[in-house]
Amino acid sequence: MRDRFNQSEVWERLGLPAETLNDIHYNSKQMNSFRGRLFSRVVPTIKDIGLWGPRIQKAFAEMGVMDYARIDVVEQLANDGKVAEDFDRRMFVEKAIT
């Protein structure tokens, strides 16, 4: 998942320096944000559902995403629910106004 949006084949096909462009892409603000959002969900969920064995932990450690294991899944889901409710309220008000 971490490398899912790697564009090596595209860069190579275009005759561009793939290694340099991969480095730029991988370290971009957008990709760092995407990986953070992705792994802030995946890592605590994997841990919460009981798939937290040594092999999984090793893989996450190698990817540098073990800090996300500290996230409280229950708290995260409660916050998601609040965000959804706020969104629904705003949509209801918008529809009522228009």
PDB file of N, CA and C in Angstrom:
ATOM      1  N   MET A   1       0.823  -1.190   0.000  1.00  0.00           N
ATOM      2  CA  MET A   1       0.000   0.000   0.000  1.00  0.00           C
ATOM      3  C   MET A   1       0.865   1.252   0.000  1.00  0.00           C
ATOM      4  N   ARG A   2       1.935   1.180   0.731  1.00  0.00           N
ATOM      5  CA  ARG A   2       2.803   2.348   0.849  1.00  0.00           C
ATOM      6  C   ARG A   2       3.313   2.797  -0.517  1.00  0.00           C
ATOM      7  N   ASP A   3       3.588   1.840  -1.398  1.00  0.00           N
ATOM      8  CA  ASP A   3       4.161   2.163  -2.711  1.00  0.00           C
ATOM      9  C   ASP A   3       3.115   2.132  -3.827  1.00  0.00           C
ATOM     10  N   ARG A   4       1.862   2.102  -3.461  1.00  0.00           N
ATOM     11  CA  ARG A   4       0.798   1.917  -4.440  1.00  0.00           C
ATOM     12  C   ARG A   4       0.805   2.967  -5.547  1.00  0.00           C
ATOM     13  N   PHE A   5       1.158   4.181  -5.242  1.00  0.00           N
ATOM     14  CA  PHE A   5       1.110   5.248  -6.237  1.00  0.00           C
ATOM     15  C   PHE A   5       2.492   5.578  -6.794  1.00  0.00           C
ATOM     16  N   ASN A   6       3.371   4.607  -6.727  1.00  0.00           N
ATOM     17  CA  ASN A   6       4.701   4.747  -7.295  1.00  0.00           C
ATOM     18  C   ASN A   6       4.557   4.856  -8.812  1.00  0.00           C
ATOM     19  N   GLN A   7       5.216   5.830  -9.409  1.00  0.00           N
ATOM     20  CA  GLN A   7       5.061   6.107 -10.838  1.00  0.00           C
ATOM     21  C   GLN A   7       6.261   5.670 -11.669  1.00  0.00           C
ATOM     22  N   SER A   8       7.070   4.749 -11.162  1.00  0.00           N
ATOM     23  CA  SER A   8       8.302   4.347 -11.856  1.00  0.00           C
ATOM     24  C   SER A   8       8.080   3.989 -13.314  1.00  0.00           C
ATOM     25  N   GLU A   9       7.076   3.180 -13.576  1.00  0.00           N
ATOM     26  CA  GLU A   9       6.828   2.749 -14.957  1.00  0.00           C
ATOM     27  C   GLU A   9       6.509   3.928 -15.866  1.00  0.00           C
ATOM     28  N   VAL A  10       5.778   4.892 -15.336  1.00  0.00           N
ATOM     29  CA  VAL A  10       5.437   6.075 -16.126  1.00  0.00           C
ATOM     30  C   VAL A  10       6.695   6.867 -16.449  1.00  0.00           C
ATOM     31  N   TRP A  11       7.507   7.115 -15.429  1.00  0.00           N
ATOM     32  CA  TRP A  11       8.737   7.897 -15.650  1.00  0.00           C
ATOM     33  C   TRP A  11       9.643   7.191 -16.651  1.00  0.00           C
ATOM     34  N   GLU A  12       9.798   5.885 -16.480  1.00  0.00           N
ATOM     35  CA  GLU A  12      10.672   5.125 -17.383  1.00  0.00           C
ATOM     36  C   GLU A  12      10.153   5.162 -18.816  1.00  0.00           C
ATOM     37  N   ARG A  13       8.865   4.979 -18.974  1.00  0.00           N
ATOM     38  CA  ARG A  13       8.271   4.976 -20.310  1.00  0.00           C
ATOM     39  C   ARG A  13       8.438   6.330 -21.002  1.00  0.00           C
ATOM     40  N   LEU A  14       8.434   7.396 -20.202  1.00  0.00           N
ATOM     41  CA  LEU A  14       8.612   8.741 -20.750  1.00  0.00           C
ATOM     42  C   LEU A  14      10.084   9.110 -20.930  1.00  0.00           C
ATOM     43  N   GLY A  15      10.975   8.201 -20.518  1.00  0.00           N
ATOM     44  CA  GLY A  15      12.405   8.465 -20.648  1.00  0.00           C
ATOM     45  C   GLY A  15      12.938   9.452 -19.627  1.00  0.00           C
ATOM     46  N   LEU A  16      12.251   9.547 -18.499  1.00  0.00           N
ATOM     47  CA  LEU A  16      12.649  10.478 -17.438  1.00  0.00           C
ATOM     48  C   LEU A  16      13.414   9.725 -16.357  1.00  0.00           C
ATOM     49  N   PRO A  17      14.183  10.444 -15.550  1.00  0.00           N
ATOM     50  CA  PRO A  17      14.973   9.791 -14.482  1.00  0.00           C
ATOM     51  C   PRO A  17      14.068   9.257 -13.371  1.00  0.00           C
ATOM     52  N   ALA A  18      13.681   8.001 -13.480  1.00  0.00           N
ATOM     53  CA  ALA A  18      12.704   7.398 -12.575  1.00  0.00           C
ATOM     54  C   ALA A  18      13.125   7.469 -11.115  1.00  0.00           C
ATOM     55  N   GLU A  19      14.368   7.157 -10.832  1.00  0.00           N
ATOM     56  CA  GLU A  19      14.801   7.137  -9.428  1.00  0.00           C
ATOM     57  C   GLU A  19      14.682   8.518  -8.791  1.00  0.00           C
ATOM     58  N   THR A  20      15.094   9.543  -9.490  1.00  0.00           N
ATOM     59  CA  THR A  20      15.016  10.917  -8.972  1.00  0.00           C
ATOM     60  C   THR A  20      13.561  11.329  -8.781  1.00  0.00           C
ATOM     61  N   LEU A  21      12.730  11.055  -9.783  1.00  0.00           N
ATOM     62  CA  LEU A  21      11.327  11.441  -9.702  1.00  0.00           C
ATOM     63  C   LEU A  21      10.572  10.637  -8.646  1.00  0.00           C
ATOM     64  N   ASN A  22      10.928   9.376  -8.485  1.00  0.00           N
ATOM     65  CA  ASN A  22      10.315   8.584  -7.412  1.00  0.00           C
ATOM     66  C   ASN A  22      10.635   9.183  -6.052  1.00  0.00           C
ATOM     67  N   ASP A  23      11.868   9.610  -5.880  1.00  0.00           N
ATOM     68  CA  ASP A  23      12.282  10.217  -4.617  1.00  0.00           C
ATOM     69  C   ASP A  23      11.501  11.502  -4.350  1.00  0.00           C
ATOM     70  N   ILE A  24      11.366  12.330  -5.368  1.00  0.00           N
ATOM     71  CA  ILE A  24      10.610  13.583  -5.225  1.00  0.00           C
ATOM     72  C   ILE A  24       9.147  13.273  -4.894  1.00  0.00           C
ATOM     73  N   HIS A  25       8.570  12.351  -5.632  1.00  0.00           N
ATOM     74  CA  HIS A  25       7.166  11.983  -5.436  1.00  0.00           C
ATOM     75  C   HIS A  25       6.946  11.388  -4.044  1.00  0.00           C
ATOM     76  N   TYR A  26       7.800  10.459  -3.651  1.00  0.00           N
ATOM     77  CA  TYR A  26       7.651   9.776  -2.366  1.00  0.00           C
ATOM     78  C   TYR A  26       7.737  10.761  -1.200  1.00  0.00           C
ATOM     79  N   ASN A  27       8.566  11.766  -1.325  1.00  0.00           N
ATOM     80  CA  ASN A  27       8.773  12.724  -0.245  1.00  0.00           C
ATOM     81  C   ASN A  27       7.906  13.974  -0.355  1.00  0.00           C
ATOM     82  N   SER A  28       6.984  13.994  -1.301  1.00  0.00           N
ATOM     83  CA  SER A  28       6.138  15.169  -1.484  1.00  0.00           C
ATOM     84  C   SER A  28       5.151  15.318  -0.317  1.00  0.00           C
ATOM     85  N   LYS A  29       4.716  16.522  -0.119  1.00  0.00           N
ATOM     86  CA  LYS A  29       3.753  16.819   0.943  1.00  0.00           C
ATOM     87  C   LYS A  29       2.461  16.017   0.750  1.00  0.00           C
ATOM     88  N   GLN A  30       2.010  15.911  -0.492  1.00  0.00           N
ATOM     89  CA  GLN A  30       0.767  15.202  -0.775  1.00  0.00           C
ATOM     90  C   GLN A  30       0.876  13.720  -0.445  1.00  0.00           C
ATOM     91  N   MET A  31       1.968  13.089  -0.827  1.00  0.00           N
ATOM     92  CA  MET A  31       2.116  11.659  -0.558  1.00  0.00           C
ATOM     93  C   MET A  31       2.327  11.396   0.925  1.00  0.00           C
ATOM     94  N   ASN A  32       3.046  12.263   1.603  1.00  0.00           N
ATOM     95  CA  ASN A  32       3.201  12.102   3.048  1.00  0.00           C
ATOM     96  C   ASN A  32       1.848  12.207   3.750  1.00  0.00           C
ATOM     97  N   SER A  33       1.025  13.144   3.296  1.00  0.00           N
ATOM     98  CA  SER A  33      -0.313  13.300   3.865  1.00  0.00           C
ATOM     99  C   SER A  33      -1.166  12.066   3.572  1.00  0.00           C
ATOM    100  N   PHE A  34      -1.109  11.582   2.337  1.00  0.00           N
ATOM    101  CA  PHE A  34      -1.876  10.392   1.960  1.00  0.00           C
ATOM    102  C   PHE A  34      -1.466   9.186   2.799  1.00  0.00           C
ATOM    103  N   ARG A  35      -0.153   8.946   2.912  1.00  0.00           N
ATOM    104  CA  ARG A  35       0.315   7.795   3.703  1.00  0.00           C
ATOM    105  C   ARG A  35      -0.090   7.933   5.161  1.00  0.00           C
ATOM    106  N   GLY A  36      -0.013   9.154   5.679  1.00  0.00           N
ATOM    107  CA  GLY A  36      -0.427   9.372   7.062  1.00  0.00           C
ATOM    108  C   GLY A  36      -1.888   9.041   7.276  1.00  0.00           C
ATOM    109  N   ARG A  37      -2.732   9.499   6.370  1.00  0.00           N
ATOM    110  CA  ARG A  37      -4.158   9.208   6.486  1.00  0.00           C
ATOM    111  C   ARG A  37      -4.437   7.714   6.322  1.00  0.00           C
ATOM    112  N   LEU A  38      -3.767   7.105   5.381  1.00  0.00           N
ATOM    113  CA  LEU A  38      -3.972   5.678   5.136  1.00  0.00           C
ATOM    114  C   LEU A  38      -3.558   4.842   6.346  1.00  0.00           C
ATOM    115  N   PHE A  39      -2.342   5.033   6.799  1.00  0.00           N
ATOM    116  CA  PHE A  39      -1.830   4.187   7.872  1.00  0.00           C
ATOM    117  C   PHE A  39      -2.385   4.547   9.240  1.00  0.00           C
ATOM    118  N   SER A  40      -2.916   5.757   9.394  1.00  0.00           N
ATOM    119  CA  SER A  40      -3.563   6.089  10.669  1.00  0.00           C
ATOM    120  C   SER A  40      -4.855   5.293  10.829  1.00  0.00           C
ATOM    121  N   ARG A  41      -5.346   4.722   9.742  1.00  0.00           N
ATOM    122  CA  ARG A  41      -6.527   3.872   9.783  1.00  0.00           C
ATOM    123  C   ARG A  41      -6.147   2.390   9.791  1.00  0.00           C
ATOM    124  N   VAL A  42      -5.240   2.032   8.917  1.00  0.00           N
ATOM    125  CA  VAL A  42      -4.897   0.624   8.732  1.00  0.00           C
ATOM    126  C   VAL A  42      -4.203   0.037   9.960  1.00  0.00           C
ATOM    127  N   VAL A  43      -3.176   0.702  10.450  1.00  0.00           N
ATOM    128  CA  VAL A  43      -2.369   0.135  11.533  1.00  0.00           C
ATOM    129  C   VAL A  43      -3.189  -0.102  12.799  1.00  0.00           C
ATOM    130  N   PRO A  44      -3.916   0.906  13.328  1.00  0.00           N
ATOM    131  CA  PRO A  44      -4.678   0.625  14.549  1.00  0.00           C
ATOM    132  C   PRO A  44      -5.801  -0.388  14.340  1.00  0.00           C
ATOM    133  N   THR A  45      -6.363  -0.427  13.146  1.00  0.00           N
ATOM    134  CA  THR A  45      -7.425  -1.391  12.874  1.00  0.00           C
ATOM    135  C   THR A  45      -6.876  -2.813  12.865  1.00  0.00           C
ATOM    136  N   ILE A  46      -5.739  -3.011  12.213  1.00  0.00           N
ATOM    137  CA  ILE A  46      -5.095  -4.334  12.191  1.00  0.00           C
ATOM    138  C   ILE A  46      -4.798  -4.789  13.614  1.00  0.00           C
ATOM    139  N   LYS A  47      -4.303  -3.868  14.414  1.00  0.00           N
ATOM    140  CA  LYS A  47      -4.000  -4.190  15.811  1.00  0.00           C
ATOM    141  C   LYS A  47      -5.283  -4.526  16.569  1.00  0.00           C
ATOM    142  N   ASP A  48      -6.320  -3.726  16.372  1.00  0.00           N
ATOM    143  CA  ASP A  48      -7.576  -3.887  17.105  1.00  0.00           C
ATOM    144  C   ASP A  48      -8.290  -5.201  16.778  1.00  0.00           C
ATOM    145  N   ILE A  49      -8.206  -5.660  15.541  1.00  0.00           N
ATOM    146  CA  ILE A  49      -8.921  -6.877  15.164  1.00  0.00           C
ATOM    147  C   ILE A  49      -8.112  -8.147  15.401  1.00  0.00           C
ATOM    148  N   GLY A  50      -6.927  -7.996  15.982  1.00  0.00           N
ATOM    149  CA  GLY A  50      -6.173  -9.160  16.420  1.00  0.00           C
ATOM    150  C   GLY A  50      -5.194  -9.746  15.407  1.00  0.00           C
ATOM    151  N   LEU A  51      -4.845  -8.986  14.403  1.00  0.00           N
ATOM    152  CA  LEU A  51      -3.870  -9.470  13.416  1.00  0.00           C
ATOM    153  C   LEU A  51      -2.480  -8.909  13.683  1.00  0.00           C
ATOM    154  N   TRP A  52      -2.185  -8.637  14.928  1.00  0.00           N
ATOM    155  CA  TRP A  52      -0.987  -7.916  15.335  1.00  0.00           C
ATOM    156  C   TRP A  52       0.162  -8.869  15.679  1.00  0.00           C
ATOM    157  N   GLY A  53       0.464  -9.777  14.798  1.00  0.00           N
ATOM    158  CA  GLY A  53       1.543 -10.727  15.037  1.00  0.00           C
ATOM    159  C   GLY A  53       2.903 -10.136  14.721  1.00  0.00           C
ATOM    160  N   PRO A  54       3.965 -10.876  15.028  1.00  0.00           N
ATOM    161  CA  PRO A  54       5.329 -10.400  14.814  1.00  0.00           C
ATOM    162  C   PRO A  54       5.627 -10.043  13.349  1.00  0.00           C
ATOM    163  N   ARG A  55       5.096 -10.820  12.434  1.00  0.00           N
ATOM    164  CA  ARG A  55       5.350 -10.548  11.012  1.00  0.00           C
ATOM    165  C   ARG A  55       4.734  -9.219  10.571  1.00  0.00           C
ATOM    166  N   ILE A  56       3.522  -8.962  11.020  1.00  0.00           N
ATOM    167  CA  ILE A  56       2.837  -7.706  10.687  1.00  0.00           C
ATOM    168  C   ILE A  56       3.566  -6.532  11.333  1.00  0.00           C
ATOM    169  N   GLN A  57       3.934  -6.697  12.596  1.00  0.00           N
ATOM    170  CA  GLN A  57       4.641  -5.625  13.290  1.00  0.00           C
ATOM    171  C   GLN A  57       5.970  -5.313  12.614  1.00  0.00           C
ATOM    172  N   LYS A  58       6.661  -6.347  12.180  1.00  0.00           N
ATOM    173  CA  LYS A  58       7.948  -6.156  11.491  1.00  0.00           C
ATOM    174  C   LYS A  58       7.743  -5.378  10.191  1.00  0.00           C
ATOM    175  N   ALA A  59       6.718  -5.744   9.435  1.00  0.00           N
ATOM    176  CA  ALA A  59       6.441  -5.051   8.173  1.00  0.00           C
ATOM    177  C   ALA A  59       6.111  -3.582   8.418  1.00  0.00           C
ATOM    178  N   PHE A  60       5.268  -3.309   9.414  1.00  0.00           N
ATOM    179  CA  PHE A  60       4.922  -1.923   9.721  1.00  0.00           C
ATOM    180  C   PHE A  60       6.139  -1.152  10.225  1.00  0.00           C
ATOM    181  N   ALA A  61       6.987  -1.805  11.008  1.00  0.00           N
ATOM    182  CA  ALA A  61       8.208  -1.148  11.494  1.00  0.00           C
ATOM    183  C   ALA A  61       9.122  -0.798  10.324  1.00  0.00           C
ATOM    184  N   GLU A  62       9.250  -1.705   9.376  1.00  0.00           N
ATOM    185  CA  GLU A  62      10.092  -1.440   8.199  1.00  0.00           C
ATOM    186  C   GLU A  62       9.541  -0.288   7.362  1.00  0.00           C
ATOM    187  N   MET A  63       8.229  -0.119   7.364  1.00  0.00           N
ATOM    188  CA  MET A  63       7.619   0.989   6.625  1.00  0.00           C
ATOM    189  C   MET A  63       7.657   2.288   7.420  1.00  0.00           C
ATOM    190  N   GLY A  64       8.015   2.204   8.703  1.00  0.00           N
ATOM    191  CA  GLY A  64       8.087   3.403   9.530  1.00  0.00           C
ATOM    192  C   GLY A  64       6.726   3.932   9.967  1.00  0.00           C
ATOM    193  N   VAL A  65       5.761   3.032  10.158  1.00  0.00           N
ATOM    194  CA  VAL A  65       4.415   3.475  10.511  1.00  0.00           C
ATOM    195  C   VAL A  65       3.941   2.940  11.868  1.00  0.00           C
ATOM    196  N   MET A  66       4.853   2.466  12.680  1.00  0.00           N
ATOM    197  CA  MET A  66       4.466   1.886  13.974  1.00  0.00           C
ATOM    198  C   MET A  66       3.859   2.896  14.945  1.00  0.00           C
ATOM    199  N   ASP A  67       4.160   4.174  14.783  1.00  0.00           N
ATOM    200  CA  ASP A  67       3.577   5.172  15.682  1.00  0.00           C
ATOM    201  C   ASP A  67       2.052   5.172  15.610  1.00  0.00           C
ATOM    202  N   TYR A  68       1.504   4.781  14.473  1.00  0.00           N
ATOM    203  CA  TYR A  68       0.052   4.759  14.324  1.00  0.00           C
ATOM    204  C   TYR A  68      -0.601   3.669  15.168  1.00  0.00           C
ATOM    205  N   ALA A  69       0.166   2.730  15.667  1.00  0.00           N
ATOM    206  CA  ALA A  69      -0.387   1.663  16.505  1.00  0.00           C
ATOM    207  C   ALA A  69      -0.901   2.214  17.836  1.00  0.00           C
ATOM    208  N   ARG A  70      -0.488   3.404  18.197  1.00  0.00           N
ATOM    209  CA  ARG A  70      -0.917   4.010  19.466  1.00  0.00           C
ATOM    210  C   ARG A  70      -2.296   4.660  19.378  1.00  0.00           C
ATOM    211  N   ILE A  71      -2.819   4.797  18.166  1.00  0.00           N
ATOM    212  CA  ILE A  71      -4.116   5.450  17.989  1.00  0.00           C
ATOM    213  C   ILE A  71      -5.218   4.582  18.588  1.00  0.00           C
ATOM    214  N   ASP A  72      -6.114   5.220  19.301  1.00  0.00           N
ATOM    215  CA  ASP A  72      -7.262   4.542  19.907  1.00  0.00           C
ATOM    216  C   ASP A  72      -8.366   4.438  18.858  1.00  0.00           C
ATOM    217  N   VAL A  73      -8.656   3.222  18.404  1.00  0.00           N
ATOM    218  CA  VAL A  73      -9.634   2.992  17.343  1.00  0.00           C
ATOM    219  C   VAL A  73     -11.027   3.459  17.763  1.00  0.00           C
ATOM    220  N   VAL A  74     -11.409   3.206  18.986  1.00  0.00           N
ATOM    221  CA  VAL A  74     -12.738   3.602  19.461  1.00  0.00           C
ATOM    222  C   VAL A  74     -12.878   5.123  19.405  1.00  0.00           C
ATOM    223  N   GLU A  75     -11.857   5.813  19.855  1.00  0.00           N
ATOM    224  CA  GLU A  75     -11.872   7.279  19.817  1.00  0.00           C
ATOM    225  C   GLU A  75     -11.908   7.779  18.370  1.00  0.00           C
ATOM    226  N   GLN A  76     -11.144   7.150  17.519  1.00  0.00           N
ATOM    227  CA  GLN A  76     -11.093   7.526  16.108  1.00  0.00           C
ATOM    228  C   GLN A  76     -12.472   7.349  15.447  1.00  0.00           C
ATOM    229  N   LEU A  77     -13.114   6.219  15.713  1.00  0.00           N
ATOM    230  CA  LEU A  77     -14.444   5.979  15.148  1.00  0.00           C
ATOM    231  C   LEU A  77     -15.482   6.956  15.699  1.00  0.00           C
ATOM    232  N   ALA A  78     -15.372   7.287  16.977  1.00  0.00           N
ATOM    233  CA  ALA A  78     -16.294   8.253  17.569  1.00  0.00           C
ATOM    234  C   ALA A  78     -16.116   9.617  16.897  1.00  0.00           C
ATOM    235  N   ASN A  79     -14.879   9.993  16.648  1.00  0.00           N
ATOM    236  CA  ASN A  79     -14.624  11.256  15.965  1.00  0.00           C
ATOM    237  C   ASN A  79     -15.163  11.218  14.538  1.00  0.00           C
ATOM    238  N   ASP A  80     -14.998  10.098  13.851  1.00  0.00           N
ATOM    239  CA  ASP A  80     -15.545   9.947  12.495  1.00  0.00           C
ATOM    240  C   ASP A  80     -17.064  10.145  12.508  1.00  0.00           C
ATOM    241  N   GLY A  81     -17.714   9.566  13.517  1.00  0.00           N
ATOM    242  CA  GLY A  81     -19.164   9.713  13.644  1.00  0.00           C
ATOM    243  C   GLY A  81     -19.563  11.161  13.841  1.00  0.00           C
ATOM    244  N   LYS A  82     -18.805  11.876  14.662  1.00  0.00           N
ATOM    245  CA  LYS A  82     -19.085  13.294  14.909  1.00  0.00           C
ATOM    246  C   LYS A  82     -18.915  14.102  13.632  1.00  0.00           C
ATOM    247  N   VAL A  83     -17.846  13.828  12.886  1.00  0.00           N
ATOM    248  CA  VAL A  83     -17.610  14.530  11.623  1.00  0.00           C
ATOM    249  C   VAL A  83     -18.767  14.266  10.656  1.00  0.00           C
ATOM    250  N   ALA A  84     -19.216  13.021  10.582  1.00  0.00           N
ATOM    251  CA  ALA A  84     -20.326  12.665   9.687  1.00  0.00           C
ATOM    252  C   ALA A  84     -21.613  13.372  10.108  1.00  0.00           C
ATOM    253  N   GLU A  85     -21.877  13.405  11.406  1.00  0.00           N
ATOM    254  CA  GLU A  85     -23.083  14.086  11.892  1.00  0.00           C
ATOM    255  C   GLU A  85     -23.029  15.578  11.592  1.00  0.00           C
ATOM    256  N   ASP A  86     -21.881  16.207  11.798  1.00  0.00           N
ATOM    257  CA  ASP A  86     -21.721  17.630  11.491  1.00  0.00           C
ATOM    258  C   ASP A  86     -21.951  17.882  10.003  1.00  0.00           C
ATOM    259  N   PHE A  87     -21.409  17.014   9.174  1.00  0.00           N
ATOM    260  CA  PHE A  87     -21.589  17.137   7.733  1.00  0.00           C
ATOM    261  C   PHE A  87     -23.067  17.016   7.365  1.00  0.00           C
ATOM    262  N   ASP A  88     -23.739  16.015   7.928  1.00  0.00           N
ATOM    263  CA  ASP A  88     -25.164  15.823   7.647  1.00  0.00           C
ATOM    264  C   ASP A  88     -25.980  17.037   8.088  1.00  0.00           C
ATOM    265  N   ARG A  89     -25.662  17.603   9.250  1.00  0.00           N
ATOM    266  CA  ARG A  89     -26.374  18.787   9.738  1.00  0.00           C
ATOM    267  C   ARG A  89     -26.213  19.951   8.770  1.00  0.00           C
ATOM    268  N   ARG A  90     -24.986  20.157   8.312  1.00  0.00           N
ATOM    269  CA  ARG A  90     -24.733  21.261   7.368  1.00  0.00           C
ATOM    270  C   ARG A  90     -25.493  21.046   6.064  1.00  0.00           C
ATOM    271  N   MET A  91     -25.498  19.800   5.586  1.00  0.00           N
ATOM    272  CA  MET A  91     -26.221  19.499   4.349  1.00  0.00           C
ATOM    273  C   MET A  91     -27.716  19.740   4.535  1.00  0.00           C
ATOM    274  N   PHE A  92     -28.261  19.365   5.683  1.00  0.00           N
ATOM    275  CA  PHE A  92     -29.675  19.576   5.970  1.00  0.00           C
ATOM    276  C   PHE A  92     -29.996  21.064   5.983  1.00  0.00           C
ATOM    277  N   VAL A  93     -29.146  21.862   6.607  1.00  0.00           N
ATOM    278  CA  VAL A  93     -29.370  23.306   6.684  1.00  0.00           C
ATOM    279  C   VAL A  93     -29.274  23.906   5.284  1.00  0.00           C
ATOM    280  N   GLU A  94     -28.285  23.497   4.508  1.00  0.00           N
ATOM    281  CA  GLU A  94     -28.154  24.009   3.137  1.00  0.00           C
ATOM    282  C   GLU A  94     -29.394  23.710   2.319  1.00  0.00           C
ATOM    283  N   LYS A  95     -29.899  22.498   2.405  1.00  0.00           N
ATOM    284  CA  LYS A  95     -31.088  22.109   1.638  1.00  0.00           C
ATOM    285  C   LYS A  95     -32.317  22.884   2.127  1.00  0.00           C
ATOM    286  N   ALA A  96     -32.392  23.122   3.430  1.00  0.00           N
ATOM    287  CA  ALA A  96     -33.536  23.845   3.979  1.00  0.00           C
ATOM    288  C   ALA A  96     -33.526  25.321   3.544  1.00  0.00           C
ATOM    289  N   ILE A  97     -32.334  25.865   3.366  1.00  0.00           N
ATOM    290  CA  ILE A  97     -32.202  27.273   2.995  1.00  0.00           C
ATOM    291  C   ILE A  97     -32.501  27.482   1.516  1.00  0.00           C
ATOM    292  N   THR A  98     -32.092  26.534   0.684  1.00  0.00           N
ATOM    293  CA  THR A  98     -32.241  26.722  -0.766  1.00  0.00           C
ATOM    294  C   THR A  98     -33.560  26.268  -1.294  1.00  0.00           C
TER     295      THR A  98
END
